[in-house]
Amino acid sequence: MRYIAKQPGQPECLLEFIEQSQGMNLSYPEFREKDKLKEILITEQGGLCAYTGRGIDKRFPNVRSEEHT
């Protein structure tokens, strides 16, 4: 298993969303910075899937930001 150092706290775009919503009635579909958050998390993870250890990036269809139905 490979150790991945995580940044302390939450990403700024997520904190801004929580602040703007005043922490109430938060919903993922209303979060408009999904692609930015995904990029931050993939970069923080070193581009590796935590489960398989394989490389991931925004081109992979299984790393989605759109809402699933």
Protein backbone atom coordinates (compact mmCIF):
# COMPACT_ATOMS: atom_id res chain seq x y z
CA MET A 1 0.00 0.00 0.00
CA ARG A 2 1.28 3.45 -0.86
CA TYR A 3 1.04 6.36 1.56
CA ILE A 4 -0.56 9.50 0.12
CA ALA A 5 -0.21 12.71 2.11
CA LYS A 6 -3.48 14.62 2.11
CA GLN A 7 -3.83 18.37 2.45
CA PRO A 8 -5.33 19.55 5.76
CA GLY A 9 -8.92 20.75 5.58
CA GLN A 10 -11.25 20.94 2.61
CA PRO A 11 -10.59 22.42 -0.84
CA GLU A 12 -11.32 26.16 -1.06
CA CYS A 13 -14.06 25.73 -3.70
CA LEU A 14 -15.93 23.39 -1.34
CA LEU A 15 -15.51 25.73 1.64
CA GLU A 16 -16.88 28.63 -0.43
CA PHE A 17 -19.93 26.56 -1.40
CA ILE A 18 -20.59 25.68 2.23
CA GLU A 19 -20.18 29.30 3.29
CA GLN A 20 -22.46 30.64 0.55
CA SER A 21 -25.10 28.08 1.48
CA GLN A 22 -24.62 28.91 5.16
CA GLY A 23 -24.23 25.17 5.74
CA MET A 24 -27.92 24.51 5.17
CA ASN A 25 -29.65 22.45 2.49
CA LEU A 26 -26.42 21.52 0.76
CA SER A 27 -26.83 19.29 -2.25
CA TYR A 28 -24.27 17.96 -4.68
CA PRO A 29 -26.34 18.83 -7.79
CA GLU A 30 -26.25 22.50 -6.73
CA PHE A 31 -22.45 22.50 -6.36
CA ARG A 32 -21.15 24.20 -9.52
CA GLU A 33 -17.43 23.53 -9.08
CA LYS A 34 -17.52 19.74 -9.59
CA ASP A 35 -14.85 19.68 -12.29
CA LYS A 36 -12.55 21.93 -10.25
CA LEU A 37 -13.03 19.77 -7.15
CA LYS A 38 -12.43 16.59 -9.15
CA GLU A 39 -9.18 18.01 -10.53
CA ILE A 40 -8.02 19.03 -7.03
CA LEU A 41 -8.76 15.58 -5.62
CA ILE A 42 -7.13 13.70 -8.50
CA THR A 43 -4.02 15.87 -8.16
CA GLU A 44 -3.93 15.39 -4.38
CA GLN A 45 -4.24 11.63 -4.88
CA GLY A 46 -1.24 11.74 -7.21
CA GLY A 47 -3.41 10.62 -10.11
CA LEU A 48 -3.83 7.18 -8.54
CA CYS A 49 -6.96 5.24 -7.71
CA ALA A 50 -6.95 4.52 -3.97
CA TYR A 51 -8.50 1.08 -4.55
CA THR A 52 -6.57 -0.27 -7.54
CA GLY A 53 -3.45 1.89 -7.53
CA ARG A 54 -3.94 2.53 -11.24
CA GLY A 55 -3.56 5.94 -12.77
CA ILE A 56 -6.68 8.06 -13.14
CA ASP A 57 -7.43 11.40 -14.68
CA LYS A 58 -10.41 13.41 -15.84
CA ARG A 59 -10.63 11.47 -19.12
CA PHE A 60 -11.78 8.28 -17.41
CA PRO A 61 -15.57 7.87 -17.60
CA ASN A 62 -15.76 6.25 -14.14
CA VAL A 63 -14.50 9.45 -12.51
CA ARG A 64 -17.61 11.51 -13.10
CA SER A 65 -18.88 14.83 -11.94
CA GLU A 66 -22.28 14.79 -13.64
CA GLU A 67 -25.31 13.59 -11.71
CA HIS A 68 -26.26 9.96 -12.23
CA THR A 69 -29.86 8.92 -12.75
